[in-house]
């Protein structure tokens, strides 16, 4: 029989082993992508494969930086993801404020209907969205790429749950001091919701940046392709340029990783103040 202390030590060892193993499983595909992007073509197809490049090659990245079409794809993704994130986060903040601090007839029913839409997959309503885009001439435009993401059901729910934790006494004090509804929103609600705003913006940016299905449907010309679609240009009819795909994929994840590293403090705070409260 193991002693209590020995059993605790064994449990700790097993737990750390599982965590390390899980981390390696998650990290390895990214490591392989980066490693492959620095290998020459002959080494990429080598059997057995090498874990690290035998001869380091930066040619794929040089080619990407000289490819004006690829840079246009990157710019399109940046415009769509940034604009969509700003609009979606702002709309979610306003809607969350309304649902959290205003009392009106049908509020609970309307919020319940919004929650129901979170459970509906995008594939179920992308055809009506496309019909709407055709009707208003949004096909192959930035507006068409952005408009499905300017309203987020999850964002409304997330902000509503966070704003509910703000004491009503602060809003009442602001009202007594003569603050308008918009003054209360910008001077009290927004500053006290910075962590939640940042974490929602990061999630929205990641979602918009990695979107593939909607851009595939709404764009007709290569000039409007986003980065996720642009990577498909390296897949030919009879061959696949693995080096360029891996280099392009690595470039594609850099903005998301950068945003996360810059705002990681807010991510932790946002998780602490997440929608499970209230």
C-alpha atoms as a PDB file:
ATOM      1  CA  UNK A   1       0.000   0.000   0.000  1.00  0.00           C
ATOM      2  CA  UNK A   2       1.275   3.440  -0.929  1.00  0.00           C
ATOM      3  CA  UNK A   3       1.390   6.152   1.685  1.00  0.00           C
ATOM      4  CA  UNK A   4      -0.726   9.253   1.225  1.00  0.00           C
ATOM      5  CA  UNK A   5       2.328  11.339   0.307  1.00  0.00           C
ATOM      6  CA  UNK A   6       3.567   8.735  -2.176  1.00  0.00           C
ATOM      7  CA  UNK A   7       0.132   8.529  -3.750  1.00  0.00           C
ATOM      8  CA  UNK A   8       0.042  12.305  -4.131  1.00  0.00           C
ATOM      9  CA  UNK A   9       3.478  12.281  -5.753  1.00  0.00           C
ATOM     10  CA  UNK A  10       2.421   9.496  -8.153  1.00  0.00           C
ATOM     11  CA  UNK A  11      -0.752  11.380  -9.089  1.00  0.00           C
ATOM     12  CA  UNK A  12       1.301  14.515  -9.724  1.00  0.00           C
ATOM     13  CA  UNK A  13       3.741  12.619 -11.952  1.00  0.00           C
ATOM     14  CA  UNK A  14       0.925  11.018 -13.948  1.00  0.00           C
ATOM     15  CA  UNK A  15      -0.851  14.365 -14.312  1.00  0.00           C
ATOM     16  CA  UNK A  16       2.290  16.134 -15.544  1.00  0.00           C
ATOM     17  CA  UNK A  17       3.051  13.293 -17.956  1.00  0.00           C
ATOM     18  CA  UNK A  18      -0.429  13.542 -19.467  1.00  0.00           C
ATOM     19  CA  UNK A  19      -0.163  17.334 -19.735  1.00  0.00           C
ATOM     20  CA  UNK A  20       3.264  17.172 -21.376  1.00  0.00           C
ATOM     21  CA  UNK A  21       2.111  14.470 -23.797  1.00  0.00           C
ATOM     22  CA  UNK A  22      -1.024  16.453 -24.685  1.00  0.00           C
ATOM     23  CA  UNK A  23       1.062  19.599 -25.226  1.00  0.00           C
ATOM     24  CA  UNK A  24       3.421  17.753 -27.559  1.00  0.00           C
ATOM     25  CA  UNK A  25       0.497  16.389 -29.576  1.00  0.00           C
ATOM     26  CA  UNK A  26      -0.892  19.920 -29.959  1.00  0.00           C
ATOM     27  CA  UNK A  27       2.430  21.628 -30.685  1.00  0.00           C
ATOM     28  CA  UNK A  28       3.914  19.052 -33.079  1.00  0.00           C
ATOM     29  CA  UNK A  29       1.802  19.975 -36.159  1.00  0.00           C
ATOM     30  CA  UNK A  30       2.893  23.618 -35.798  1.00  0.00           C
ATOM     31  CA  UNK A  31       6.503  22.558 -35.327  1.00  0.00           C
ATOM     32  CA  UNK A  32       6.297  20.352 -38.433  1.00  0.00           C
ATOM     33  CA  UNK A  33       4.737  23.201 -40.440  1.00  0.00           C
ATOM     34  CA  UNK A  34       7.530  25.617 -39.516  1.00  0.00           C
ATOM     35  CA  UNK A  35      10.242  23.011 -40.051  1.00  0.00           C
ATOM     36  CA  UNK A  36       8.879  22.059 -43.474  1.00  0.00           C
ATOM     37  CA  UNK A  37       8.713  25.703 -44.566  1.00  0.00           C
ATOM     38  CA  UNK A  38      12.511  25.930 -44.188  1.00  0.00           C
ATOM     39  CA  UNK A  39      13.293  22.719 -46.098  1.00  0.00           C
ATOM     40  CA  UNK A  40      14.235  22.536 -49.806  1.00  0.00           C
ATOM     41  CA  UNK A  41      11.778  20.756 -52.089  1.00  0.00           C
ATOM     42  CA  UNK A  42      13.900  17.604 -52.268  1.00  0.00           C
ATOM     43  CA  UNK A  43      14.096  17.354 -48.491  1.00  0.00           C
ATOM     44  CA  UNK A  44      10.350  17.873 -48.018  1.00  0.00           C
ATOM     45  CA  UNK A  45       9.630  14.712 -50.029  1.00  0.00           C
ATOM     46  CA  UNK A  46      12.497  12.751 -48.511  1.00  0.00           C
ATOM     47  CA  UNK A  47      11.780   9.261 -47.152  1.00  0.00           C
ATOM     48  CA  UNK A  48      12.263   8.852 -44.247  1.00  0.00           C
ATOM     49  CA  UNK A  49      11.461  12.482 -43.382  1.00  0.00           C
ATOM     50  CA  UNK A  50      13.767  14.642 -41.276  1.00  0.00           C
ATOM     51  CA  UNK A  51      12.528  16.381 -38.151  1.00  0.00           C
ATOM     52  CA  UNK A  52      14.697  19.465 -38.704  1.00  0.00           C
ATOM     53  CA  UNK A  53      15.991  20.812 -42.033  1.00  0.00           C
ATOM     54  CA  UNK A  54      19.367  19.388 -43.012  1.00  0.00           C
ATOM     55  CA  UNK A  55      19.930  22.461 -45.181  1.00  0.00           C
ATOM     56  CA  UNK A  56      17.990  25.548 -44.141  1.00  0.00           C
ATOM     57  CA  UNK A  57      16.174  27.300 -46.963  1.00  0.00           C
ATOM     58  CA  UNK A  58      14.415  30.698 -46.828  1.00  0.00           C
ATOM     59  CA  UNK A  59      13.472  30.706 -50.496  1.00  0.00           C
ATOM     60  CA  UNK A  60       9.774  30.090 -49.875  1.00  0.00           C
ATOM     61  CA  UNK A  61       9.463  33.164 -47.651  1.00  0.00           C
ATOM     62  CA  UNK A  62      11.379  35.306 -50.133  1.00  0.00           C
ATOM     63  CA  UNK A  63       9.025  34.182 -52.867  1.00  0.00           C
ATOM     64  CA  UNK A  64       5.994  34.971 -50.725  1.00  0.00           C
ATOM     65  CA  UNK A  65       7.206  38.486 -49.967  1.00  0.00           C
ATOM     66  CA  UNK A  66       7.746  39.097 -53.691  1.00  0.00           C
ATOM     67  CA  UNK A  67       4.342  37.701 -54.631  1.00  0.00           C
ATOM     68  CA  UNK A  68       2.027  40.722 -54.945  1.00  0.00           C
ATOM     69  CA  UNK A  69      -1.016  38.460 -55.241  1.00  0.00           C
ATOM     70  CA  UNK A  70      -0.251  36.783 -51.904  1.00  0.00           C
ATOM     71  CA  UNK A  71       0.273  40.203 -50.292  1.00  0.00           C
ATOM     72  CA  UNK A  72      -3.153  41.228 -51.621  1.00  0.00           C
ATOM     73  CA  UNK A  73      -4.663  38.139 -49.968  1.00  0.00           C
ATOM     74  CA  UNK A  74      -2.992  39.101 -46.695  1.00  0.00           C
ATOM     75  CA  UNK A  75      -4.293  42.682 -46.967  1.00  0.00           C
ATOM     76  CA  UNK A  76      -7.828  41.445 -47.679  1.00  0.00           C
ATOM     77  CA  UNK A  77      -7.762  39.220 -44.592  1.00  0.00           C
ATOM     78  CA  UNK A  78      -6.447  42.098 -42.488  1.00  0.00           C
ATOM     79  CA  UNK A  79      -9.175  44.472 -43.688  1.00  0.00           C
ATOM     80  CA  UNK A  80     -11.992  41.962 -43.245  1.00  0.00           C
ATOM     81  CA  UNK A  81     -10.850  40.634 -39.861  1.00  0.00           C
ATOM     82  CA  UNK A  82     -10.035  44.061 -38.377  1.00  0.00           C
ATOM     83  CA  UNK A  83     -13.196  45.803 -39.571  1.00  0.00           C
ATOM     84  CA  UNK A  84     -15.407  42.864 -38.650  1.00  0.00           C
ATOM     85  CA  UNK A  85     -13.829  42.633 -35.197  1.00  0.00           C
ATOM     86  CA  UNK A  86     -14.343  46.326 -34.430  1.00  0.00           C
ATOM     87  CA  UNK A  87     -17.969  46.356 -35.602  1.00  0.00           C
ATOM     88  CA  UNK A  88     -18.859  43.039 -33.974  1.00  0.00           C
ATOM     89  CA  UNK A  89     -17.274  43.943 -30.636  1.00  0.00           C
ATOM     90  CA  UNK A  90     -18.913  47.370 -30.546  1.00  0.00           C
ATOM     91  CA  UNK A  91     -22.333  45.966 -31.452  1.00  0.00           C
ATOM     92  CA  UNK A  92     -21.976  43.223 -28.846  1.00  0.00           C
ATOM     93  CA  UNK A  93     -21.034  45.769 -26.187  1.00  0.00           C
ATOM     94  CA  UNK A  94     -24.081  47.921 -26.933  1.00  0.00           C
ATOM     95  CA  UNK A  95     -26.472  44.952 -27.080  1.00  0.00           C
ATOM     96  CA  UNK A  96     -24.972  43.445 -23.933  1.00  0.00           C
ATOM     97  CA  UNK A  97     -25.481  46.767 -22.122  1.00  0.00           C
ATOM     98  CA  UNK A  98     -29.121  46.901 -23.197  1.00  0.00           C
ATOM     99  CA  UNK A  99     -29.893  43.328 -22.173  1.00  0.00           C
ATOM    100  CA  UNK A 100     -28.013  43.634 -18.876  1.00  0.00           C
ATOM    101  CA  UNK A 101     -29.208  46.998 -17.566  1.00  0.00           C
ATOM    102  CA  UNK A 102     -32.512  47.865 -19.279  1.00  0.00           C
ATOM    103  CA  UNK A 103     -35.944  46.487 -18.458  1.00  0.00           C
ATOM    104  CA  UNK A 104     -38.401  46.206 -21.336  1.00  0.00           C
ATOM    105  CA  UNK A 105     -41.202  43.922 -22.425  1.00  0.00           C
ATOM    106  CA  UNK A 106     -39.995  40.763 -24.194  1.00  0.00           C
ATOM    107  CA  UNK A 107     -36.391  41.182 -23.076  1.00  0.00           C
ATOM    108  CA  UNK A 108     -35.980  37.633 -21.772  1.00  0.00           C
ATOM    109  CA  UNK A 109     -37.695  36.107 -24.816  1.00  0.00           C
ATOM    110  CA  UNK A 110     -35.545  38.103 -27.233  1.00  0.00           C
ATOM    111  CA  UNK A 111     -32.363  37.180 -25.368  1.00  0.00           C
ATOM    112  CA  UNK A 112     -33.450  33.524 -25.364  1.00  0.00           C
ATOM    113  CA  UNK A 113     -33.897  33.640 -29.144  1.00  0.00           C
ATOM    114  CA  UNK A 114     -30.414  35.125 -29.494  1.00  0.00           C
ATOM    115  CA  UNK A 115     -29.014  32.278 -27.407  1.00  0.00           C
ATOM    116  CA  UNK A 116     -30.767  29.775 -29.666  1.00  0.00           C
ATOM    117  CA  UNK A 117     -28.947  31.142 -32.713  1.00  0.00           C
ATOM    118  CA  UNK A 118     -25.612  30.247 -31.086  1.00  0.00           C
ATOM    119  CA  UNK A 119     -26.553  26.582 -31.465  1.00  0.00           C
ATOM    120  CA  UNK A 120     -27.377  26.889 -35.185  1.00  0.00           C
ATOM    121  CA  UNK A 121     -24.405  25.976 -37.442  1.00  0.00           C
ATOM    122  CA  UNK A 122     -23.409  28.548 -40.030  1.00  0.00           C
ATOM    123  CA  UNK A 123     -24.018  26.004 -42.807  1.00  0.00           C
ATOM    124  CA  UNK A 124     -27.740  26.103 -41.984  1.00  0.00           C
ATOM    125  CA  UNK A 125     -28.184  29.763 -42.885  1.00  0.00           C
ATOM    126  CA  UNK A 126     -25.346  30.558 -45.278  1.00  0.00           C
ATOM    127  CA  UNK A 127     -27.632  30.126 -48.315  1.00  0.00           C
ATOM    128  CA  UNK A 128     -30.150  32.759 -47.102  1.00  0.00           C
ATOM    129  CA  UNK A 129     -27.189  35.011 -46.329  1.00  0.00           C
ATOM    130  CA  UNK A 130     -25.872  34.542 -49.858  1.00  0.00           C
ATOM    131  CA  UNK A 131     -29.294  35.305 -51.367  1.00  0.00           C
ATOM    132  CA  UNK A 132     -29.395  38.472 -49.273  1.00  0.00           C
ATOM    133  CA  UNK A 133     -25.895  39.409 -50.423  1.00  0.00           C
ATOM    134  CA  UNK A 134     -26.880  38.929 -54.079  1.00  0.00           C
ATOM    135  CA  UNK A 135     -29.987  41.054 -53.612  1.00  0.00           C
ATOM    136  CA  UNK A 136     -28.000  43.971 -52.231  1.00  0.00           C
ATOM    137  CA  UNK A 137     -25.040  43.573 -54.639  1.00  0.00           C
ATOM    138  CA  UNK A 138     -22.564  42.549 -51.945  1.00  0.00           C
ATOM    139  CA  UNK A 139     -21.011  39.658 -53.866  1.00  0.00           C
ATOM    140  CA  UNK A 140     -17.251  39.999 -54.367  1.00  0.00           C
ATOM    141  CA  UNK A 141     -17.003  43.074 -52.123  1.00  0.00           C
ATOM    142  CA  UNK A 142     -15.481  43.846 -48.735  1.00  0.00           C
ATOM    143  CA  UNK A 143     -18.949  44.614 -47.404  1.00  0.00           C
ATOM    144  CA  UNK A 144     -20.110  41.166 -48.462  1.00  0.00           C
ATOM    145  CA  UNK A 145     -17.171  39.539 -46.709  1.00  0.00           C
ATOM    146  CA  UNK A 146     -17.752  41.511 -43.517  1.00  0.00           C
ATOM    147  CA  UNK A 147     -21.507  41.730 -43.026  1.00  0.00           C
ATOM    148  CA  UNK A 148     -22.139  38.204 -41.617  1.00  0.00           C
ATOM    149  CA  UNK A 149     -19.690  38.825 -38.758  1.00  0.00           C
ATOM    150  CA  UNK A 150     -20.760  42.300 -37.634  1.00  0.00           C
ATOM    151  CA  UNK A 151     -23.302  40.774 -35.245  1.00  0.00           C
ATOM    152  CA  UNK A 152     -22.321  37.939 -32.930  1.00  0.00           C
ATOM    153  CA  UNK A 153     -24.812  36.067 -30.755  1.00  0.00           C
ATOM    154  CA  UNK A 154     -21.993  34.766 -28.600  1.00  0.00           C
ATOM    155  CA  UNK A 155     -20.574  38.278 -28.294  1.00  0.00           C
ATOM    156  CA  UNK A 156     -23.916  39.642 -27.082  1.00  0.00           C
ATOM    157  CA  UNK A 157     -24.207  36.840 -24.533  1.00  0.00           C
ATOM    158  CA  UNK A 158     -20.607  37.288 -23.380  1.00  0.00           C
ATOM    159  CA  UNK A 159     -20.875  41.049 -22.904  1.00  0.00           C
ATOM    160  CA  UNK A 160     -24.283  40.834 -21.251  1.00  0.00           C
ATOM    161  CA  UNK A 161     -22.976  38.394 -18.640  1.00  0.00           C
ATOM    162  CA  UNK A 162     -19.979  40.610 -17.910  1.00  0.00           C
ATOM    163  CA  UNK A 163     -21.914  43.869 -17.749  1.00  0.00           C
ATOM    164  CA  UNK A 164     -24.357  42.305 -15.317  1.00  0.00           C
ATOM    165  CA  UNK A 165     -21.523  42.149 -12.770  1.00  0.00           C
ATOM    166  CA  UNK A 166     -21.256  45.971 -12.803  1.00  0.00           C
ATOM    167  CA  UNK A 167     -23.214  47.333  -9.803  1.00  0.00           C
ATOM    168  CA  UNK A 168     -26.410  49.188 -10.678  1.00  0.00           C
ATOM    169  CA  UNK A 169     -25.490  51.758  -8.036  1.00  0.00           C
ATOM    170  CA  UNK A 170     -22.770  53.127 -10.341  1.00  0.00           C
ATOM    171  CA  UNK A 171     -25.295  53.689 -13.109  1.00  0.00           C
ATOM    172  CA  UNK A 172     -27.770  55.290 -10.703  1.00  0.00           C
ATOM    173  CA  UNK A 173     -25.056  57.623  -9.396  1.00  0.00           C
ATOM    174  CA  UNK A 174     -24.176  58.617 -12.959  1.00  0.00           C
ATOM    175  CA  UNK A 175     -27.846  59.300 -13.699  1.00  0.00           C
ATOM    176  CA  UNK A 176     -28.134  61.489 -10.605  1.00  0.00           C
ATOM    177  CA  UNK A 177     -25.070  63.439 -11.751  1.00  0.00           C
ATOM    178  CA  UNK A 178     -26.847  64.133 -15.040  1.00  0.00           C
ATOM    179  CA  UNK A 179     -25.113  61.642 -17.286  1.00  0.00           C
ATOM    180  CA  UNK A 180     -27.030  60.548 -20.370  1.00  0.00           C
ATOM    181  CA  UNK A 181     -27.414  56.935 -21.434  1.00  0.00           C
ATOM    182  CA  UNK A 182     -24.547  57.295 -23.910  1.00  0.00           C
ATOM    183  CA  UNK A 183     -22.473  59.109 -21.301  1.00  0.00           C
ATOM    184  CA  UNK A 184     -23.007  56.222 -18.890  1.00  0.00           C
ATOM    185  CA  UNK A 185     -22.142  53.771 -21.626  1.00  0.00           C
ATOM    186  CA  UNK A 186     -18.855  55.410 -22.614  1.00  0.00           C
ATOM    187  CA  UNK A 187     -17.723  56.624 -19.179  1.00  0.00           C
ATOM    188  CA  UNK A 188     -18.731  53.706 -16.945  1.00  0.00           C
ATOM    189  CA  UNK A 189     -19.682  50.573 -18.879  1.00  0.00           C
ATOM    190  CA  UNK A 190     -16.865  50.699 -21.435  1.00  0.00           C
ATOM    191  CA  UNK A 191     -13.950  51.370 -19.029  1.00  0.00           C
ATOM    192  CA  UNK A 192     -15.151  48.669 -16.616  1.00  0.00           C
ATOM    193  CA  UNK A 193     -15.481  46.163 -19.474  1.00  0.00           C
ATOM    194  CA  UNK A 194     -12.038  46.578 -21.039  1.00  0.00           C
ATOM    195  CA  UNK A 195     -10.886  43.037 -20.214  1.00  0.00           C
ATOM    196  CA  UNK A 196     -14.076  41.518 -21.586  1.00  0.00           C
ATOM    197  CA  UNK A 197     -13.898  43.729 -24.693  1.00  0.00           C
ATOM    198  CA  UNK A 198     -10.324  42.669 -25.439  1.00  0.00           C
ATOM    199  CA  UNK A 199     -10.961  38.949 -24.960  1.00  0.00           C
ATOM    200  CA  UNK A 200     -14.064  39.137 -27.183  1.00  0.00           C
ATOM    201  CA  UNK A 201     -12.148  41.103 -29.818  1.00  0.00           C
ATOM    202  CA  UNK A 202      -9.414  38.458 -29.845  1.00  0.00           C
ATOM    203  CA  UNK A 203     -11.956  35.662 -30.305  1.00  0.00           C
ATOM    204  CA  UNK A 204     -13.734  37.599 -33.040  1.00  0.00           C
ATOM    205  CA  UNK A 205     -10.471  38.388 -34.821  1.00  0.00           C
ATOM    206  CA  UNK A 206      -9.392  34.738 -34.717  1.00  0.00           C
ATOM    207  CA  UNK A 207     -12.772  33.636 -36.084  1.00  0.00           C
ATOM    208  CA  UNK A 208     -12.807  36.213 -38.875  1.00  0.00           C
ATOM    209  CA  UNK A 209      -9.156  35.641 -39.791  1.00  0.00           C
ATOM    210  CA  UNK A 210      -9.585  31.885 -40.129  1.00  0.00           C
ATOM    211  CA  UNK A 211     -12.921  31.943 -41.938  1.00  0.00           C
ATOM    212  CA  UNK A 212     -12.936  29.901 -45.148  1.00  0.00           C
ATOM    213  CA  UNK A 213     -16.476  28.858 -46.117  1.00  0.00           C
ATOM    214  CA  UNK A 214     -18.091  32.293 -46.417  1.00  0.00           C
ATOM    215  CA  UNK A 215     -15.227  33.904 -48.397  1.00  0.00           C
ATOM    216  CA  UNK A 216     -15.295  30.880 -50.694  1.00  0.00           C
ATOM    217  CA  UNK A 217     -18.993  31.489 -51.382  1.00  0.00           C
ATOM    218  CA  UNK A 218     -19.088  35.279 -51.612  1.00  0.00           C
ATOM    219  CA  UNK A 219     -15.977  35.940 -53.731  1.00  0.00           C
ATOM    220  CA  UNK A 220     -15.759  35.428 -57.486  1.00  0.00           C
ATOM    221  CA  UNK A 221     -12.403  37.006 -58.344  1.00  0.00           C
ATOM    222  CA  UNK A 222      -8.922  36.287 -56.985  1.00  0.00           C
ATOM    223  CA  UNK A 223      -8.415  39.951 -56.103  1.00  0.00           C
ATOM    224  CA  UNK A 224     -10.980  39.543 -53.293  1.00  0.00           C
ATOM    225  CA  UNK A 225      -9.598  36.269 -51.928  1.00  0.00           C
ATOM    226  CA  UNK A 226      -8.633  36.235 -48.284  1.00  0.00           C
ATOM    227  CA  UNK A 227      -5.513  34.466 -47.077  1.00  0.00           C
ATOM    228  CA  UNK A 228      -7.244  31.174 -46.315  1.00  0.00           C
ATOM    229  CA  UNK A 229      -8.464  30.971 -49.905  1.00  0.00           C
ATOM    230  CA  UNK A 230      -5.190  32.254 -51.299  1.00  0.00           C
ATOM    231  CA  UNK A 231      -3.263  29.301 -49.914  1.00  0.00           C
ATOM    232  CA  UNK A 232      -5.172  27.098 -52.352  1.00  0.00           C
ATOM    233  CA  UNK A 233      -3.247  28.693 -55.255  1.00  0.00           C
ATOM    234  CA  UNK A 234      -0.275  26.515 -54.304  1.00  0.00           C
ATOM    235  CA  UNK A 235      -2.291  23.352 -55.003  1.00  0.00           C
ATOM    236  CA  UNK A 236      -2.082  22.483 -58.680  1.00  0.00           C
ATOM    237  CA  UNK A 237      -3.968  19.939 -60.743  1.00  0.00           C
ATOM    238  CA  UNK A 238      -1.161  17.386 -60.586  1.00  0.00           C
ATOM    239  CA  UNK A 239       1.129  18.677 -57.845  1.00  0.00           C
ATOM    240  CA  UNK A 240       1.167  20.384 -54.471  1.00  0.00           C
ATOM    241  CA  UNK A 241       3.783  22.972 -53.483  1.00  0.00           C
ATOM    242  CA  UNK A 242       4.132  21.882 -49.862  1.00  0.00           C
ATOM    243  CA  UNK A 243       6.911  24.331 -49.090  1.00  0.00           C
ATOM    244  CA  UNK A 244       4.895  27.365 -50.185  1.00  0.00           C
ATOM    245  CA  UNK A 245       1.792  26.121 -48.388  1.00  0.00           C
ATOM    246  CA  UNK A 246       3.691  25.649 -45.131  1.00  0.00           C
ATOM    247  CA  UNK A 247       5.390  29.044 -45.431  1.00  0.00           C
ATOM    248  CA  UNK A 248       2.074  30.704 -46.266  1.00  0.00           C
ATOM    249  CA  UNK A 249       0.338  28.964 -43.366  1.00  0.00           C
ATOM    250  CA  UNK A 250       3.060  30.133 -40.986  1.00  0.00           C
ATOM    251  CA  UNK A 251       2.655  33.717 -42.203  1.00  0.00           C
ATOM    252  CA  UNK A 252      -1.114  33.339 -41.834  1.00  0.00           C
ATOM    253  CA  UNK A 253      -0.961  32.463 -38.130  1.00  0.00           C
ATOM    254  CA  UNK A 254       1.504  35.233 -37.227  1.00  0.00           C
ATOM    255  CA  UNK A 255      -1.143  37.996 -36.794  1.00  0.00           C
ATOM    256  CA  UNK A 256      -3.271  35.819 -34.509  1.00  0.00           C
ATOM    257  CA  UNK A 257      -0.273  34.774 -32.413  1.00  0.00           C
ATOM    258  CA  UNK A 258       0.919  38.381 -32.226  1.00  0.00           C
ATOM    259  CA  UNK A 259      -2.483  39.627 -31.063  1.00  0.00           C
ATOM    260  CA  UNK A 260      -2.611  36.931 -28.405  1.00  0.00           C
ATOM    261  CA  UNK A 261       0.897  37.646 -27.103  1.00  0.00           C
ATOM    262  CA  UNK A 262       0.295  41.402 -26.944  1.00  0.00           C
ATOM    263  CA  UNK A 263      -3.024  41.079 -25.106  1.00  0.00           C
ATOM    264  CA  UNK A 264      -2.403  37.905 -23.121  1.00  0.00           C
ATOM    265  CA  UNK A 265      -2.869  39.767 -19.823  1.00  0.00           C
ATOM    266  CA  UNK A 266      -6.381  40.735 -20.867  1.00  0.00           C
ATOM    267  CA  UNK A 267      -7.039  37.175 -22.011  1.00  0.00           C
ATOM    268  CA  UNK A 268      -6.369  35.880 -18.505  1.00  0.00           C
ATOM    269  CA  UNK A 269      -8.478  38.632 -16.937  1.00  0.00           C
ATOM    270  CA  UNK A 270     -11.231  38.051 -19.472  1.00  0.00           C
ATOM    271  CA  UNK A 271     -11.307  34.364 -18.643  1.00  0.00           C
ATOM    272  CA  UNK A 272     -11.637  35.234 -14.969  1.00  0.00           C
ATOM    273  CA  UNK A 273     -14.512  37.601 -15.743  1.00  0.00           C
ATOM    274  CA  UNK A 274     -16.017  35.310 -18.390  1.00  0.00           C
ATOM    275  CA  UNK A 275     -19.650  34.695 -19.114  1.00  0.00           C
ATOM    276  CA  UNK A 276     -19.974  32.015 -16.443  1.00  0.00           C
ATOM    277  CA  UNK A 277     -20.437  34.816 -13.907  1.00  0.00           C
ATOM    278  CA  UNK A 278     -23.754  36.525 -13.334  1.00  0.00           C
END
